[in-house]
Amino acid sequence: MYSQELKDRVAKSRDWKLSNVECARRLGITLDEYLKIKKSLGFKSKNLKYNSDHNTERINSESYDLEKGTGKIEKLVSVNPKTPEEIIEILGIDTTEWKLSQYWNKERSDKWLVSALVTKVVKTKEDEEADKKFLQWKKAHDKLLKIIITVNTALEKHQTELEKAKRLVDLSPTDKKVINRRDTAENNVSISKKSLADSVNDYNDFLLKNKDYIFNIPDVIISKNPTLNKMALLQRIEEYEKELATRPSASSSSSSDEE
């Protein structure tokens, strides 16, 4: 469901020493998504100092009035949460559907009964349209990151093969084993070069196809993804458009072949 790259970034977020809400904001995902990924990775909350039994504790009481759009959740836990973020995490509140409106804790022997009132998140047409546009961009954005990784991987492989070939140049030109190794290296360079060229073309084609999305990248997304440089992407698109304009058309190339 979630990409490995996103999971890796969530794993690294543990070193940021920030709240779950702030980590989710920086990663450009919802708190609910962040907590689900953390849970799938088997991480425990540093803020609440969970013990091994905490995640197995079940909701003691959960009720919702769908007509009024309200609900109440209660859970007996072994820690005393201090912040709304911790309450949301403990009770597993889906913040895309419900908003925490009130909470309180009561000590019960060696545990705490955490109670919360939630209200249904009401979205306007503008909110729904904004969500739709964001999901459209996120889909393009996720694919963009994958293509960037593909290009970088192809580039690294090409550079590695190129270095291998360069190291063989100074070896004995008469040694058959060296000649065979050199031929293999040169062949690998040709293959990796073509792979890199294909990856770059795919990348440029994708950028051009998604020009409108890239032009409208929200600043908040750019701030959370330092690898994204909107101006650099737009400049690359402009250069690629000029390159396409100078390429001979299929009709002209076929007519020249006939001559």
C-alpha atoms as a PDB file:
ATOM      1  CA  MET A   1       0.000   0.000   0.000  1.00  0.00           C
ATOM      2  CA  TYR A   2       2.816   2.407   0.890  1.00  0.00           C
ATOM      3  CA  SER A   3       6.040   2.694  -1.109  1.00  0.00           C
ATOM      4  CA  GLN A   4       9.299   1.439   0.380  1.00  0.00           C
ATOM      5  CA  GLU A   5      10.767   4.906  -0.016  1.00  0.00           C
ATOM      6  CA  LEU A   6       8.017   6.400   2.157  1.00  0.00           C
ATOM      7  CA  LYS A   7       8.512   3.670   4.761  1.00  0.00           C
ATOM      8  CA  ASP A   8      12.248   4.438   4.834  1.00  0.00           C
ATOM      9  CA  ARG A   9      11.532   8.137   5.340  1.00  0.00           C
ATOM     10  CA  VAL A  10       9.135   7.338   8.176  1.00  0.00           C
ATOM     11  CA  ALA A  11      11.818   5.147   9.749  1.00  0.00           C
ATOM     12  CA  LYS A  12      14.341   8.003   9.548  1.00  0.00           C
ATOM     13  CA  SER A  13      11.837  10.410  11.103  1.00  0.00           C
ATOM     14  CA  ARG A  14      12.430   8.732  14.472  1.00  0.00           C
ATOM     15  CA  ASP A  15      15.733  10.622  14.648  1.00  0.00           C
ATOM     16  CA  TRP A  16      14.039  14.004  14.231  1.00  0.00           C
ATOM     17  CA  LYS A  17      12.864  14.040  17.870  1.00  0.00           C
ATOM     18  CA  LEU A  18       9.564  15.660  16.831  1.00  0.00           C
ATOM     19  CA  SER A  19       5.942  14.842  17.594  1.00  0.00           C
ATOM     20  CA  ASN A  20       4.038  12.468  15.334  1.00  0.00           C
ATOM     21  CA  VAL A  21       1.967  15.375  14.036  1.00  0.00           C
ATOM     22  CA  GLU A  22       5.056  17.371  13.046  1.00  0.00           C
ATOM     23  CA  CYS A  23       6.723  14.317  11.460  1.00  0.00           C
ATOM     24  CA  ALA A  24       3.591  13.607   9.407  1.00  0.00           C
ATOM     25  CA  ARG A  25       3.467  17.275   8.329  1.00  0.00           C
ATOM     26  CA  ARG A  26       7.090  17.212   7.208  1.00  0.00           C
ATOM     27  CA  LEU A  27       6.551  13.996   5.232  1.00  0.00           C
ATOM     28  CA  GLY A  28       3.471  15.384   3.505  1.00  0.00           C
ATOM     29  CA  ILE A  29       1.125  12.668   4.779  1.00  0.00           C
ATOM     30  CA  THR A  30      -1.718  12.566   7.274  1.00  0.00           C
ATOM     31  CA  LEU A  31      -1.180  11.691  10.909  1.00  0.00           C
ATOM     32  CA  ASP A  32      -3.285   8.576  10.411  1.00  0.00           C
ATOM     33  CA  GLU A  33      -1.067   7.417   7.516  1.00  0.00           C
ATOM     34  CA  TYR A  34       2.076   8.183   9.527  1.00  0.00           C
ATOM     35  CA  LEU A  35       0.875   6.164  12.531  1.00  0.00           C
ATOM     36  CA  LYS A  36      -0.197   3.240  10.331  1.00  0.00           C
ATOM     37  CA  ILE A  37       3.236   3.093   8.673  1.00  0.00           C
ATOM     38  CA  LYS A  38       4.982   3.350  12.057  1.00  0.00           C
ATOM     39  CA  LYS A  39       2.836   0.506  13.336  1.00  0.00           C
ATOM     40  CA  SER A  40       3.602  -1.636  10.263  1.00  0.00           C
ATOM     41  CA  LEU A  41       7.319  -1.059  10.897  1.00  0.00           C
ATOM     42  CA  GLY A  42       6.928  -2.201  14.497  1.00  0.00           C
ATOM     43  CA  PHE A  43       8.003   1.109  16.044  1.00  0.00           C
ATOM     44  CA  LYS A  44       7.014   2.043  19.560  1.00  0.00           C
ATOM     45  CA  SER A  45       6.197   5.581  20.624  1.00  0.00           C
ATOM     46  CA  LYS A  46       9.059   7.348  22.378  1.00  0.00           C
ATOM     47  CA  ASN A  47       6.681  10.057  23.645  1.00  0.00           C
ATOM     48  CA  LEU A  48       4.537   7.632  25.617  1.00  0.00           C
ATOM     49  CA  LYS A  49       7.186   5.068  26.551  1.00  0.00           C
ATOM     50  CA  TYR A  50       4.924   2.201  25.561  1.00  0.00           C
ATOM     51  CA  ASN A  51       5.535  -1.166  27.105  1.00  0.00           C
ATOM     52  CA  SER A  52       5.206  -4.312  25.046  1.00  0.00           C
ATOM     53  CA  ASP A  53       1.604  -4.819  26.201  1.00  0.00           C
ATOM     54  CA  HIS A  54       0.341  -1.375  25.243  1.00  0.00           C
ATOM     55  CA  ASN A  55      -0.407  -2.036  21.577  1.00  0.00           C
ATOM     56  CA  THR A  56      -2.431  -5.116  22.479  1.00  0.00           C
ATOM     57  CA  GLU A  57      -4.771  -3.169  24.796  1.00  0.00           C
ATOM     58  CA  ARG A  58      -8.208  -2.919  23.246  1.00  0.00           C
ATOM     59  CA  ILE A  59     -10.743  -0.111  23.144  1.00  0.00           C
ATOM     60  CA  ASN A  60     -12.938  -0.424  26.264  1.00  0.00           C
ATOM     61  CA  SER A  61     -15.797   1.656  24.894  1.00  0.00           C
ATOM     62  CA  GLU A  62     -16.551   3.179  21.499  1.00  0.00           C
ATOM     63  CA  SER A  63     -19.841   4.761  20.411  1.00  0.00           C
ATOM     64  CA  TYR A  64     -20.858   7.059  17.550  1.00  0.00           C
ATOM     65  CA  ASP A  65     -23.983   9.049  16.703  1.00  0.00           C
ATOM     66  CA  LEU A  66     -23.817   9.262  12.921  1.00  0.00           C
ATOM     67  CA  GLU A  67     -26.793  11.607  12.654  1.00  0.00           C
ATOM     68  CA  LYS A  68     -25.240  14.154  15.013  1.00  0.00           C
ATOM     69  CA  GLY A  69     -21.708  13.413  13.834  1.00  0.00           C
ATOM     70  CA  THR A  70     -20.332  12.831  17.334  1.00  0.00           C
ATOM     71  CA  GLY A  71     -18.602  10.000  19.129  1.00  0.00           C
ATOM     72  CA  LYS A  72     -17.001   8.912  22.369  1.00  0.00           C
ATOM     73  CA  ILE A  73     -14.002   6.602  22.786  1.00  0.00           C
ATOM     74  CA  GLU A  74     -12.531   5.189  25.990  1.00  0.00           C
ATOM     75  CA  LYS A  75      -9.472   3.052  26.531  1.00  0.00           C
ATOM     76  CA  LEU A  76      -7.622   1.785  29.607  1.00  0.00           C
ATOM     77  CA  VAL A  77      -3.871   2.213  29.127  1.00  0.00           C
ATOM     78  CA  SER A  78      -0.713   1.928  31.182  1.00  0.00           C
ATOM     79  CA  VAL A  79       0.516   5.484  30.503  1.00  0.00           C
ATOM     80  CA  ASN A  80      -0.832   8.984  31.119  1.00  0.00           C
ATOM     81  CA  PRO A  81      -0.971  10.870  27.802  1.00  0.00           C
ATOM     82  CA  LYS A  82      -0.308  14.604  28.020  1.00  0.00           C
ATOM     83  CA  THR A  83      -1.063  16.023  24.560  1.00  0.00           C
ATOM     84  CA  PRO A  84      -3.860  15.810  21.960  1.00  0.00           C
ATOM     85  CA  GLU A  85      -1.413  14.107  19.584  1.00  0.00           C
ATOM     86  CA  GLU A  86      -0.803  11.352  22.114  1.00  0.00           C
ATOM     87  CA  ILE A  87      -4.553  10.948  22.696  1.00  0.00           C
ATOM     88  CA  ILE A  88      -5.116  10.596  18.946  1.00  0.00           C
ATOM     89  CA  GLU A  89      -2.352   8.024  18.735  1.00  0.00           C
ATOM     90  CA  ILE A  90      -3.529   5.978  21.730  1.00  0.00           C
ATOM     91  CA  LEU A  91      -7.170   5.883  20.639  1.00  0.00           C
ATOM     92  CA  GLY A  92      -6.337   5.396  16.965  1.00  0.00           C
ATOM     93  CA  ILE A  93      -8.546   8.284  15.851  1.00  0.00           C
ATOM     94  CA  ASP A  94      -8.756   8.604  12.067  1.00  0.00           C
ATOM     95  CA  THR A  95      -8.112  12.346  11.719  1.00  0.00           C
ATOM     96  CA  THR A  96      -9.362  12.355   8.136  1.00  0.00           C
ATOM     97  CA  GLU A  97     -12.840  11.407   9.407  1.00  0.00           C
ATOM     98  CA  TRP A  98     -12.968  12.576  13.027  1.00  0.00           C
ATOM     99  CA  LYS A  99     -11.732  15.600  14.951  1.00  0.00           C
ATOM    100  CA  LEU A 100     -10.725  15.404  18.607  1.00  0.00           C
ATOM    101  CA  SER A 101     -12.910  17.951  20.416  1.00  0.00           C
ATOM    102  CA  GLN A 102     -12.435  17.050  24.095  1.00  0.00           C
ATOM    103  CA  TYR A 103     -10.512  14.551  26.218  1.00  0.00           C
ATOM    104  CA  TRP A 104      -9.831  13.682  29.851  1.00  0.00           C
ATOM    105  CA  ASN A 105      -7.922  11.037  31.812  1.00  0.00           C
ATOM    106  CA  LYS A 106      -8.794   9.269  35.072  1.00  0.00           C
ATOM    107  CA  GLU A 107      -6.361   7.246  37.130  1.00  0.00           C
ATOM    108  CA  ARG A 108      -7.493   3.659  37.740  1.00  0.00           C
ATOM    109  CA  SER A 109      -5.183   1.755  40.058  1.00  0.00           C
ATOM    110  CA  ASP A 110      -1.920   1.478  38.111  1.00  0.00           C
ATOM    111  CA  LYS A 111      -3.516   2.482  34.780  1.00  0.00           C
ATOM    112  CA  TRP A 112      -5.296   5.405  33.146  1.00  0.00           C
ATOM    113  CA  LEU A 113      -8.745   5.533  31.572  1.00  0.00           C
ATOM    114  CA  VAL A 114      -8.422   7.814  28.554  1.00  0.00           C
ATOM    115  CA  SER A 115     -11.700   9.292  27.292  1.00  0.00           C
ATOM    116  CA  ALA A 116     -12.307  11.470  24.256  1.00  0.00           C
ATOM    117  CA  LEU A 117     -15.172  13.127  22.433  1.00  0.00           C
ATOM    118  CA  VAL A 118     -14.863  13.391  18.662  1.00  0.00           C
ATOM    119  CA  THR A 119     -16.851  15.200  15.997  1.00  0.00           C
ATOM    120  CA  LYS A 120     -17.266  14.253  12.369  1.00  0.00           C
ATOM    121  CA  VAL A 121     -15.062  16.184   9.959  1.00  0.00           C
ATOM    122  CA  VAL A 122     -17.427  18.076   7.671  1.00  0.00           C
ATOM    123  CA  LYS A 123     -15.914  18.870   4.307  1.00  0.00           C
ATOM    124  CA  THR A 124     -17.173  21.632   2.061  1.00  0.00           C
ATOM    125  CA  LYS A 125     -17.219  21.321  -1.726  1.00  0.00           C
ATOM    126  CA  GLU A 126     -14.095  23.477  -1.759  1.00  0.00           C
ATOM    127  CA  ASP A 127     -12.392  21.065   0.660  1.00  0.00           C
ATOM    128  CA  GLU A 128     -13.366  18.065  -1.458  1.00  0.00           C
ATOM    129  CA  GLU A 129     -12.124  19.794  -4.616  1.00  0.00           C
ATOM    130  CA  ALA A 130      -8.851  20.693  -2.871  1.00  0.00           C
ATOM    131  CA  ASP A 131      -8.463  17.090  -1.687  1.00  0.00           C
ATOM    132  CA  LYS A 132      -9.125  15.849  -5.211  1.00  0.00           C
ATOM    133  CA  LYS A 133      -6.504  18.164  -6.691  1.00  0.00           C
ATOM    134  CA  PHE A 134      -4.009  17.209  -3.986  1.00  0.00           C
ATOM    135  CA  LEU A 135      -4.528  13.484  -4.669  1.00  0.00           C
ATOM    136  CA  GLN A 136      -4.055  14.121  -8.385  1.00  0.00           C
ATOM    137  CA  TRP A 137      -0.817  15.945  -7.703  1.00  0.00           C
ATOM    138  CA  LYS A 138       0.317  13.340  -5.134  1.00  0.00           C
ATOM    139  CA  LYS A 139      -0.161  10.584  -7.717  1.00  0.00           C
ATOM    140  CA  ALA A 140       1.973  12.495 -10.227  1.00  0.00           C
ATOM    141  CA  HIS A 141       4.428  13.477  -7.483  1.00  0.00           C
ATOM    142  CA  ASP A 142       4.920   9.857  -6.321  1.00  0.00           C
ATOM    143  CA  LYS A 143       5.538   8.732  -9.889  1.00  0.00           C
ATOM    144  CA  LEU A 144       7.955  11.612 -10.373  1.00  0.00           C
ATOM    145  CA  LEU A 145      10.021  10.503  -7.363  1.00  0.00           C
ATOM    146  CA  LYS A 146      10.093   6.916  -8.662  1.00  0.00           C
ATOM    147  CA  ILE A 147      11.361   8.101 -12.048  1.00  0.00           C
ATOM    148  CA  ILE A 148      14.010  10.263 -10.373  1.00  0.00           C
ATOM    149  CA  ILE A 149      15.201   7.188  -8.461  1.00  0.00           C
ATOM    150  CA  THR A 150      15.248   5.154 -11.697  1.00  0.00           C
ATOM    151  CA  VAL A 151      17.331   7.817 -13.460  1.00  0.00           C
ATOM    152  CA  ASN A 152      19.758   8.087 -10.543  1.00  0.00           C
ATOM    153  CA  THR A 153      20.111   4.287 -10.378  1.00  0.00           C
ATOM    154  CA  ALA A 154      20.795   4.108 -14.123  1.00  0.00           C
ATOM    155  CA  LEU A 155      23.314   6.954 -13.811  1.00  0.00           C
ATOM    156  CA  GLU A 156      25.168   5.244 -10.943  1.00  0.00           C
ATOM    157  CA  LYS A 157      25.300   1.960 -12.869  1.00  0.00           C
ATOM    158  CA  HIS A 158      26.599   3.704 -15.986  1.00  0.00           C
ATOM    159  CA  GLN A 159      29.302   5.521 -13.999  1.00  0.00           C
ATOM    160  CA  THR A 160      30.353   2.254 -12.339  1.00  0.00           C
ATOM    161  CA  GLU A 161      30.661   0.462 -15.667  1.00  0.00           C
ATOM    162  CA  LEU A 162      32.514   3.448 -17.135  1.00  0.00           C
ATOM    163  CA  GLU A 163      35.038   3.404 -14.290  1.00  0.00           C
ATOM    164  CA  LYS A 164      35.606  -0.325 -14.816  1.00  0.00           C
ATOM    165  CA  ALA A 165      36.300   0.244 -18.505  1.00  0.00           C
ATOM    166  CA  LYS A 166      38.670   3.144 -17.757  1.00  0.00           C
ATOM    167  CA  ARG A 167      40.711   1.021 -15.347  1.00  0.00           C
ATOM    168  CA  LEU A 168      41.249  -1.577 -18.084  1.00  0.00           C
ATOM    169  CA  VAL A 169      42.605   0.912 -20.636  1.00  0.00           C
ATOM    170  CA  ASP A 170      46.081   1.035 -19.096  1.00  0.00           C
ATOM    171  CA  LEU A 171      46.434  -2.754 -18.797  1.00  0.00           C
ATOM    172  CA  SER A 172      48.364  -4.902 -21.289  1.00  0.00           C
ATOM    173  CA  PRO A 173      46.751  -4.553 -24.745  1.00  0.00           C
ATOM    174  CA  THR A 174      48.124  -7.962 -25.831  1.00  0.00           C
ATOM    175  CA  ASP A 175      46.757 -10.050 -22.941  1.00  0.00           C
ATOM    176  CA  LYS A 176      43.739 -11.973 -24.266  1.00  0.00           C
ATOM    177  CA  LYS A 177      42.096 -12.083 -20.851  1.00  0.00           C
ATOM    178  CA  VAL A 178      42.486  -8.314 -20.510  1.00  0.00           C
ATOM    179  CA  ILE A 179      41.135  -7.790 -24.042  1.00  0.00           C
ATOM    180  CA  ASN A 180      38.094  -9.959 -23.259  1.00  0.00           C
ATOM    181  CA  ARG A 181      37.484  -8.116 -19.998  1.00  0.00           C
ATOM    182  CA  ARG A 182      37.845  -4.790 -21.815  1.00  0.00           C
ATOM    183  CA  ASP A 183      35.384  -5.853 -24.526  1.00  0.00           C
ATOM    184  CA  THR A 184      32.910  -6.954 -21.861  1.00  0.00           C
ATOM    185  CA  ALA A 185      33.352  -3.677 -19.988  1.00  0.00           C
ATOM    186  CA  GLU A 186      32.842  -1.608 -23.149  1.00  0.00           C
ATOM    187  CA  ASN A 187      29.734  -3.628 -23.956  1.00  0.00           C
ATOM    188  CA  ASN A 188      28.393  -3.042 -20.434  1.00  0.00           C
ATOM    189  CA  VAL A 189      29.065   0.675 -20.834  1.00  0.00           C
ATOM    190  CA  SER A 190      27.050   0.699 -24.071  1.00  0.00           C
ATOM    191  CA  ILE A 191      24.186  -1.156 -22.394  1.00  0.00           C
ATOM    192  CA  SER A 192      24.207   1.073 -19.301  1.00  0.00           C
ATOM    193  CA  LYS A 193      24.443   4.187 -21.503  1.00  0.00           C
ATOM    194  CA  LYS A 194      21.357   3.128 -23.449  1.00  0.00           C
ATOM    195  CA  SER A 195      19.537   2.308 -20.214  1.00  0.00           C
ATOM    196  CA  LEU A 196      20.442   5.729 -18.846  1.00  0.00           C
ATOM    197  CA  ALA A 197      19.326   7.448 -22.053  1.00  0.00           C
ATOM    198  CA  ASP A 198      15.997   5.585 -21.963  1.00  0.00           C
ATOM    199  CA  SER A 199      15.497   6.527 -18.310  1.00  0.00           C
ATOM    200  CA  VAL A 200      16.278  10.189 -19.006  1.00  0.00           C
ATOM    201  CA  ASN A 201      13.884  10.228 -21.964  1.00  0.00           C
ATOM    202  CA  ASP A 202      11.156   8.673 -19.815  1.00  0.00           C
ATOM    203  CA  TYR A 203      11.871  11.300 -17.168  1.00  0.00           C
ATOM    204  CA  ASN A 204      11.711  14.207 -19.638  1.00  0.00           C
ATOM    205  CA  ASP A 205       8.547  12.841 -21.245  1.00  0.00           C
ATOM    206  CA  PHE A 206       6.910  12.538 -17.844  1.00  0.00           C
ATOM    207  CA  LEU A 207       7.883  16.078 -16.870  1.00  0.00           C
ATOM    208  CA  LEU A 208       6.471  17.458 -20.110  1.00  0.00           C
ATOM    209  CA  LYS A 209       3.244  15.483 -19.724  1.00  0.00           C
ATOM    210  CA  ASN A 210       2.811  16.762 -16.169  1.00  0.00           C
ATOM    211  CA  LYS A 211       3.930  20.322 -16.818  1.00  0.00           C
ATOM    212  CA  ASP A 212       0.759  21.823 -15.344  1.00  0.00           C
ATOM    213  CA  TYR A 213       1.074  19.754 -12.172  1.00  0.00           C
ATOM    214  CA  ILE A 214       4.710  20.762 -11.710  1.00  0.00           C
ATOM    215  CA  PHE A 215       3.948  24.438 -12.354  1.00  0.00           C
ATOM    216  CA  ASN A 216       1.312  24.271  -9.598  1.00  0.00           C
ATOM    217  CA  ILE A 217       3.311  22.336  -7.015  1.00  0.00           C
ATOM    218  CA  PRO A 218       2.244  23.766  -3.634  1.00  0.00           C
ATOM    219  CA  ASP A 219       5.078  25.412  -1.714  1.00  0.00           C
ATOM    220  CA  VAL A 220       4.224  23.244   1.294  1.00  0.00           C
ATOM    221  CA  ILE A 221       5.048  20.096  -0.713  1.00  0.00           C
ATOM    222  CA  ILE A 222       8.340  21.579  -1.876  1.00  0.00           C
ATOM    223  CA  SER A 223       9.276  22.446   1.720  1.00  0.00           C
ATOM    224  CA  LYS A 224       8.701  18.827   2.737  1.00  0.00           C
ATOM    225  CA  ASN A 225      10.640  17.402  -0.223  1.00  0.00           C
ATOM    226  CA  PRO A 226      14.053  19.054  -0.543  1.00  0.00           C
ATOM    227  CA  THR A 227      14.806  16.913  -3.623  1.00  0.00           C
ATOM    228  CA  LEU A 228      12.090  18.812  -5.510  1.00  0.00           C
ATOM    229  CA  ASN A 229      13.271  21.997  -7.197  1.00  0.00           C
ATOM    230  CA  LYS A 230      10.324  23.436  -9.116  1.00  0.00           C
ATOM    231  CA  MET A 231      12.372  26.016 -10.998  1.00  0.00           C
ATOM    232  CA  ALA A 232      14.916  23.392 -12.058  1.00  0.00           C
ATOM    233  CA  LEU A 233      12.118  21.083 -13.244  1.00  0.00           C
ATOM    234  CA  LEU A 234      10.445  23.852 -15.241  1.00  0.00           C
ATOM    235  CA  GLN A 235      13.794  24.835 -16.772  1.00  0.00           C
ATOM    236  CA  ARG A 236      14.390  21.211 -17.769  1.00  0.00           C
ATOM    237  CA  ILE A 237      10.943  21.067 -19.379  1.00  0.00           C
ATOM    238  CA  GLU A 238      11.686  24.249 -21.333  1.00  0.00           C
ATOM    239  CA  GLU A 239      15.015  22.842 -22.569  1.00  0.00           C
ATOM    240  CA  TYR A 240      13.348  19.559 -23.528  1.00  0.00           C
ATOM    241  CA  GLU A 241      10.647  21.407 -25.476  1.00  0.00           C
ATOM    242  CA  LYS A 242      13.358  23.269 -27.411  1.00  0.00           C
ATOM    243  CA  GLU A 243      15.142  19.977 -28.071  1.00  0.00           C
ATOM    244  CA  LEU A 244      11.936  18.397 -29.395  1.00  0.00           C
ATOM    245  CA  ALA A 245      11.375  21.420 -31.633  1.00  0.00           C
ATOM    246  CA  THR A 246      14.788  20.929 -33.285  1.00  0.00           C
ATOM    247  CA  ARG A 247      14.339  17.191 -33.861  1.00  0.00           C
ATOM    248  CA  PRO A 248      13.498  16.222 -37.421  1.00  0.00           C
ATOM    249  CA  SER A 249       9.904  15.061 -37.805  1.00  0.00           C
ATOM    250  CA  ALA A 250       9.125  11.487 -38.783  1.00  0.00           C
ATOM    251  CA  SER A 251       7.855  12.613 -42.214  1.00  0.00           C
ATOM    252  CA  SER A 252      10.994  14.600 -43.039  1.00  0.00           C
ATOM    253  CA  SER A 253      13.293  11.777 -41.960  1.00  0.00           C
ATOM    254  CA  SER A 254      11.378   9.248 -44.075  1.00  0.00           C
ATOM    255  CA  SER A 255      11.515  11.515 -47.144  1.00  0.00           C
ATOM    256  CA  SER A 256      15.255  11.948 -46.731  1.00  0.00           C
ATOM    257  CA  ASP A 257      15.669   8.174 -46.552  1.00  0.00           C
ATOM    258  CA  GLU A 258      13.810   7.786 -49.853  1.00  0.00           C
ATOM    259  CA  GLU A 259      16.214  10.214 -51.511  1.00  0.00           C
END
